[in-house]
């Protein structure tokens, strides 16, 4: 088998694998939508497809529903943690800046002694 034939066969195989993955994802998605529609019809719910829904319940509390399994997410804790991380990052940045200024002053002092 020549090198050209080997690369053509490899390219064709890669295309077939990608097509198989794509078709599998399409089949799974269509199946999930069908099951969701059937369950909503049996339960007498609205005709909307709700595989995933996010509803704001309060100021920082959201209700996440994935295939009729609901959970509540409180974002206030996440916001607080993010603000703390940003504050610590700024403090570390200030310390590094001070260190660099001290190093710069030290380098200037050494250079002035060499002159």
N, C-alpha and C. Protein backbone atom coordinates (compact mmCIF):
# COMPACT_ATOMS: atom_id res chain seq x y z
N UNK A 1 0.86 -1.17 0.00
CA UNK A 1 0.00 0.00 0.00
C UNK A 1 0.90 1.23 0.00
N UNK A 2 0.65 2.12 -0.94
CA UNK A 2 1.48 3.32 -1.03
C UNK A 2 1.06 4.33 0.04
N UNK A 3 1.93 5.29 0.19
CA UNK A 3 1.68 6.31 1.21
C UNK A 3 0.44 7.12 0.89
N UNK A 4 0.21 7.44 -0.35
CA UNK A 4 -0.96 8.21 -0.76
C UNK A 4 -2.24 7.47 -0.44
N UNK A 5 -2.29 6.19 -0.76
CA UNK A 5 -3.48 5.40 -0.45
C UNK A 5 -3.71 5.32 1.06
N UNK A 6 -2.63 5.20 1.81
CA UNK A 6 -2.75 5.12 3.26
C UNK A 6 -3.36 6.40 3.82
N UNK A 7 -2.89 7.58 3.34
CA UNK A 7 -3.43 8.85 3.81
C UNK A 7 -4.88 9.06 3.38
N UNK A 8 -5.23 8.63 2.15
CA UNK A 8 -6.61 8.73 1.70
C UNK A 8 -7.52 7.86 2.57
N UNK A 9 -7.08 6.65 2.86
CA UNK A 9 -7.87 5.75 3.70
C UNK A 9 -8.01 6.33 5.12
N UNK A 10 -6.93 6.90 5.62
CA UNK A 10 -6.96 7.51 6.96
C UNK A 10 -7.93 8.70 6.99
N UNK A 11 -7.90 9.54 5.96
CA UNK A 11 -8.80 10.69 5.87
C UNK A 11 -10.25 10.23 5.80
N UNK A 12 -10.52 9.20 5.00
CA UNK A 12 -11.88 8.67 4.88
C UNK A 12 -12.35 8.10 6.22
N UNK A 13 -11.47 7.39 6.89
CA UNK A 13 -11.83 6.81 8.19
C UNK A 13 -12.14 7.91 9.21
N UNK A 14 -11.36 8.97 9.19
CA UNK A 14 -11.59 10.10 10.11
C UNK A 14 -12.95 10.73 9.83
N UNK A 15 -13.29 10.92 8.55
CA UNK A 15 -14.59 11.47 8.19
C UNK A 15 -15.73 10.58 8.66
N UNK A 16 -15.57 9.28 8.51
CA UNK A 16 -16.61 8.35 8.94
C UNK A 16 -16.78 8.37 10.46
N UNK A 17 -15.69 8.49 11.20
CA UNK A 17 -15.78 8.55 12.66
C UNK A 17 -16.50 9.82 13.09
N UNK A 18 -16.15 10.95 12.48
CA UNK A 18 -16.82 12.22 12.81
C UNK A 18 -18.31 12.17 12.45
N UNK A 19 -18.64 11.58 11.32
CA UNK A 19 -20.04 11.45 10.92
C UNK A 19 -20.80 10.55 11.89
N UNK A 20 -20.17 9.49 12.35
CA UNK A 20 -20.79 8.59 13.32
C UNK A 20 -21.06 9.30 14.64
N UNK A 21 -20.09 10.08 15.11
CA UNK A 21 -20.27 10.84 16.35
C UNK A 21 -21.41 11.84 16.19
N UNK A 22 -21.44 12.56 15.08
CA UNK A 22 -22.48 13.55 14.84
C UNK A 22 -23.86 12.91 14.80
N UNK A 23 -23.99 11.81 14.06
CA UNK A 23 -25.28 11.13 13.98
C UNK A 23 -25.71 10.56 15.33
N UNK A 24 -24.77 10.07 16.12
CA UNK A 24 -25.11 9.57 17.46
C UNK A 24 -25.65 10.70 18.33
N UNK A 25 -25.02 11.87 18.27
CA UNK A 25 -25.50 13.01 19.04
C UNK A 25 -26.89 13.44 18.59
N UNK A 26 -27.13 13.42 17.30
CA UNK A 26 -28.46 13.78 16.78
C UNK A 26 -29.50 12.79 17.27
N UNK A 27 -29.19 11.51 17.22
CA UNK A 27 -30.15 10.49 17.66
C UNK A 27 -30.45 10.63 19.15
N UNK A 28 -29.42 10.85 19.96
CA UNK A 28 -29.62 11.02 21.40
C UNK A 28 -30.46 12.26 21.69
N UNK A 29 -30.18 13.36 20.99
CA UNK A 29 -30.93 14.60 21.20
C UNK A 29 -32.39 14.43 20.81
N UNK A 30 -32.65 13.82 19.69
CA UNK A 30 -34.03 13.58 19.26
C UNK A 30 -34.74 12.66 20.25
N UNK A 31 -34.05 11.66 20.76
CA UNK A 31 -34.64 10.76 21.75
C UNK A 31 -34.99 11.48 23.03
N UNK A 32 -34.09 12.34 23.52
CA UNK A 32 -34.37 13.11 24.74
C UNK A 32 -35.55 14.06 24.54
N UNK A 33 -35.61 14.71 23.39
CA UNK A 33 -36.74 15.61 23.12
C UNK A 33 -38.06 14.84 23.05
N UNK A 34 -38.03 13.66 22.46
CA UNK A 34 -39.24 12.84 22.37
C UNK A 34 -39.70 12.39 23.76
N UNK A 35 -38.77 11.94 24.57
CA UNK A 35 -39.11 11.50 25.92
C UNK A 35 -39.64 12.67 26.74
N UNK A 36 -39.02 13.83 26.62
CA UNK A 36 -39.47 15.01 27.36
C UNK A 36 -40.88 15.41 26.94
N UNK A 37 -41.14 15.38 25.66
CA UNK A 37 -42.48 15.72 25.17
C UNK A 37 -43.51 14.71 25.67
N UNK A 38 -43.18 13.42 25.64
CA UNK A 38 -44.11 12.39 26.09
C UNK A 38 -44.40 12.52 27.58
N UNK A 39 -43.35 12.78 28.38
CA UNK A 39 -43.55 12.92 29.83
C UNK A 39 -44.40 14.14 30.13
N UNK A 40 -44.13 15.25 29.47
CA UNK A 40 -44.93 16.46 29.69
C UNK A 40 -46.38 16.26 29.28
N UNK A 41 -46.61 15.50 28.22
CA UNK A 41 -47.99 15.21 27.79
C UNK A 41 -48.70 14.33 28.81
N UNK A 42 -48.01 13.32 29.33
CA UNK A 42 -48.63 12.43 30.32
C UNK A 42 -48.92 13.15 31.63
N UNK A 43 -48.08 14.08 31.99
CA UNK A 43 -48.27 14.81 33.24
C UNK A 43 -49.23 15.98 33.09
N UNK A 44 -49.64 16.27 31.88
CA UNK A 44 -50.57 17.36 31.64
C UNK A 44 -49.91 18.72 31.74
N UNK A 45 -48.62 18.76 31.55
CA UNK A 45 -47.89 20.03 31.62
C UNK A 45 -48.04 20.76 30.28
N UNK A 46 -47.49 21.94 30.24
CA UNK A 46 -47.58 22.72 28.99
C UNK A 46 -46.81 22.00 27.88
N UNK A 47 -47.04 22.41 26.67
CA UNK A 47 -46.45 21.75 25.52
C UNK A 47 -45.02 22.19 25.21
N UNK A 48 -44.41 22.94 26.10
CA UNK A 48 -43.06 23.40 25.84
C UNK A 48 -42.06 22.28 26.10
N UNK A 49 -40.97 22.32 25.36
CA UNK A 49 -39.89 21.37 25.60
C UNK A 49 -38.99 21.97 26.67
N UNK A 50 -38.93 21.32 27.80
CA UNK A 50 -38.14 21.85 28.91
C UNK A 50 -37.15 20.81 29.39
N UNK A 51 -36.13 20.56 28.58
CA UNK A 51 -35.06 19.69 29.04
C UNK A 51 -34.28 20.40 30.13
N UNK A 52 -33.97 21.67 29.90
CA UNK A 52 -33.23 22.47 30.87
C UNK A 52 -33.93 23.82 30.96
N UNK A 53 -34.23 24.25 32.18
CA UNK A 53 -34.81 25.57 32.36
C UNK A 53 -34.19 26.22 33.59
N UNK A 54 -34.04 27.52 33.52
CA UNK A 54 -33.47 28.30 34.61
C UNK A 54 -34.43 29.44 34.91
N UNK A 55 -34.98 29.45 36.13
CA UNK A 55 -35.99 30.43 36.51
C UNK A 55 -35.49 31.18 37.74
N UNK A 56 -35.57 32.50 37.69
CA UNK A 56 -35.16 33.30 38.83
C UNK A 56 -36.28 33.30 39.86
N UNK A 57 -35.98 32.80 41.06
CA UNK A 57 -36.98 32.69 42.11
C UNK A 57 -36.94 33.91 43.03
N UNK A 58 -35.75 34.36 43.37
CA UNK A 58 -35.57 35.54 44.21
C UNK A 58 -34.40 36.34 43.64
N UNK A 59 -33.89 37.29 44.43
CA UNK A 59 -32.84 38.17 43.93
C UNK A 59 -31.61 37.39 43.47
N UNK A 60 -31.09 36.49 44.30
CA UNK A 60 -29.89 35.74 43.92
C UNK A 60 -30.13 34.23 44.00
N UNK A 61 -31.37 33.81 43.97
CA UNK A 61 -31.71 32.39 44.02
C UNK A 61 -32.39 32.00 42.70
N UNK A 62 -31.83 30.98 42.06
CA UNK A 62 -32.35 30.50 40.79
C UNK A 62 -32.78 29.05 40.93
N UNK A 63 -33.81 28.67 40.20
CA UNK A 63 -34.27 27.28 40.17
C UNK A 63 -33.84 26.68 38.84
N UNK A 64 -33.00 25.65 38.92
CA UNK A 64 -32.49 24.95 37.75
C UNK A 64 -33.24 23.63 37.62
N UNK A 65 -33.85 23.41 36.47
CA UNK A 65 -34.60 22.19 36.23
C UNK A 65 -34.00 21.47 35.02
N UNK A 66 -33.56 20.24 35.26
CA UNK A 66 -33.00 19.42 34.19
C UNK A 66 -33.84 18.15 34.11
N UNK A 67 -34.58 18.01 33.05
CA UNK A 67 -35.47 16.88 32.82
C UNK A 67 -36.36 16.61 34.03
N UNK A 68 -37.03 17.66 34.48
CA UNK A 68 -38.00 17.63 35.58
C UNK A 68 -37.39 17.34 36.94
N UNK A 69 -36.08 17.39 37.08
CA UNK A 69 -35.42 17.33 38.38
C UNK A 69 -34.96 18.74 38.71
N UNK A 70 -35.51 19.30 39.79
CA UNK A 70 -35.21 20.70 40.10
C UNK A 70 -34.27 20.81 41.28
N UNK A 71 -33.48 21.87 41.24
CA UNK A 71 -32.62 22.22 42.37
C UNK A 71 -32.49 23.73 42.38
N UNK A 72 -32.25 24.27 43.57
CA UNK A 72 -32.12 25.71 43.71
C UNK A 72 -30.66 26.07 43.90
N UNK A 73 -30.26 27.13 43.24
CA UNK A 73 -28.87 27.60 43.31
C UNK A 73 -28.88 28.99 43.92
N UNK A 74 -28.11 29.16 44.98
CA UNK A 74 -27.99 30.46 45.63
C UNK A 74 -26.68 31.09 45.18
N UNK A 75 -26.79 32.15 44.39
CA UNK A 75 -25.61 32.78 43.83
C UNK A 75 -24.94 33.77 44.78
N UNK A 76 -25.56 34.09 45.91
CA UNK A 76 -24.95 35.07 46.81
C UNK A 76 -23.64 34.54 47.36
N UNK A 77 -23.56 33.24 47.65
CA UNK A 77 -22.32 32.67 48.15
C UNK A 77 -21.22 32.71 47.09
N UNK A 78 -21.61 32.43 45.86
CA UNK A 78 -20.63 32.45 44.77
C UNK A 78 -20.13 33.88 44.54
N UNK A 79 -21.03 34.86 44.59
CA UNK A 79 -20.62 36.26 44.43
C UNK A 79 -19.67 36.67 45.55
N UNK A 80 -19.98 36.26 46.79
CA UNK A 80 -19.13 36.60 47.93
C UNK A 80 -17.74 35.98 47.78
N UNK A 81 -17.68 34.72 47.38
CA UNK A 81 -16.39 34.06 47.19
C UNK A 81 -15.60 34.71 46.06
N UNK A 82 -16.29 35.09 44.99
CA UNK A 82 -15.61 35.75 43.87
C UNK A 82 -15.06 37.11 44.30
N UNK A 83 -15.83 37.86 45.06
CA UNK A 83 -15.35 39.15 45.55
C UNK A 83 -14.15 38.98 46.47
N UNK A 84 -14.17 37.95 47.34
CA UNK A 84 -13.02 37.68 48.21
C UNK A 84 -11.78 37.31 47.40
N UNK A 85 -11.96 36.51 46.35
CA UNK A 85 -10.83 36.12 45.51
C UNK A 85 -10.24 37.32 44.78
N UNK A 86 -11.11 38.22 44.30
CA UNK A 86 -10.63 39.42 43.62
C UNK A 86 -9.87 40.31 44.59
N UNK A 87 -10.36 40.45 45.82
CA UNK A 87 -9.69 41.28 46.82
C UNK A 87 -8.31 40.70 47.16
N UNK A 88 -8.24 39.38 47.32
CA UNK A 88 -6.95 38.76 47.61
C UNK A 88 -5.99 38.91 46.44
N UNK A 89 -6.50 38.80 45.23
CA UNK A 89 -5.67 38.98 44.04
C UNK A 89 -5.11 40.40 43.96
N UNK A 90 -5.93 41.39 44.30
CA UNK A 90 -5.45 42.77 44.29
C UNK A 90 -4.39 42.98 45.36
N UNK A 91 -4.57 42.36 46.55
CA UNK A 91 -3.59 42.49 47.63
C UNK A 91 -2.26 41.87 47.21
N UNK A 92 -2.30 40.71 46.59
CA UNK A 92 -1.07 40.07 46.12
C UNK A 92 -0.41 40.93 45.04
N UNK A 93 -1.22 41.52 44.17
CA UNK A 93 -0.69 42.41 43.13
C UNK A 93 0.02 43.62 43.73
N UNK A 94 -0.56 44.20 44.79
CA UNK A 94 0.09 45.33 45.46
C UNK A 94 1.41 44.93 46.10
N UNK A 95 1.45 43.74 46.72
CA UNK A 95 2.69 43.26 47.33
C UNK A 95 3.78 43.06 46.27
N UNK A 96 3.41 42.51 45.13
CA UNK A 96 4.37 42.30 44.06
C UNK A 96 4.87 43.64 43.53
N UNK A 97 3.96 44.59 43.40
CA UNK A 97 4.33 45.92 42.93
C UNK A 97 5.32 46.58 43.90
N UNK A 98 5.06 46.47 45.20
CA UNK A 98 5.97 47.04 46.20
C UNK A 98 7.33 46.35 46.12
N UNK A 99 7.34 45.05 45.96
CA UNK A 99 8.60 44.31 45.85
C UNK A 99 9.39 44.77 44.64
N UNK A 100 8.71 44.97 43.52
CA UNK A 100 9.40 45.42 42.30
C UNK A 100 9.95 46.82 42.47
N UNK A 101 9.22 47.72 43.15
CA UNK A 101 9.74 49.06 43.40
C UNK A 101 10.98 49.01 44.29
N UNK A 102 10.96 48.16 45.33
CA UNK A 102 12.13 48.00 46.18
C UNK A 102 13.31 47.45 45.39
N UNK A 103 13.03 46.48 44.54
CA UNK A 103 14.09 45.91 43.72
C UNK A 103 14.67 46.95 42.76
N UNK A 104 13.79 47.79 42.19
CA UNK A 104 14.24 48.84 41.30
C UNK A 104 15.13 49.83 42.03
N UNK A 105 14.72 50.22 43.24
CA UNK A 105 15.54 51.13 44.04
C UNK A 105 16.89 50.50 44.37
N UNK A 106 16.90 49.23 44.70
CA UNK A 106 18.14 48.52 45.01
C UNK A 106 19.04 48.47 43.78
N UNK A 107 18.46 48.20 42.61
CA UNK A 107 19.24 48.15 41.37
C UNK A 107 19.81 49.51 41.05
N UNK A 108 19.07 50.59 41.26
CA UNK A 108 19.58 51.93 41.02
C UNK A 108 20.73 52.25 41.95
N UNK A 109 20.62 51.81 43.22
CA UNK A 109 21.69 52.06 44.19
C UNK A 109 22.96 51.32 43.78
N UNK A 110 22.82 50.10 43.32
CA UNK A 110 23.98 49.32 42.88
C UNK A 110 24.61 49.96 41.65
N UNK A 111 23.79 50.41 40.72
CA UNK A 111 24.31 51.03 39.49
C UNK A 111 25.00 52.34 39.80
N UNK A 112 24.51 53.10 40.77
CA UNK A 112 25.16 54.39 41.12
C UNK A 112 26.52 54.13 41.79
N UNK A 113 26.68 53.02 42.50
CA UNK A 113 27.96 52.70 43.10
C UNK A 113 28.98 52.29 42.05
N UNK A 114 28.52 51.69 40.98
CA UNK A 114 29.43 51.23 39.91
C UNK A 114 29.93 52.39 39.07
N UNK A 115 29.24 53.51 39.07
CA UNK A 115 29.65 54.64 38.23
C UNK A 115 30.73 55.42 38.83
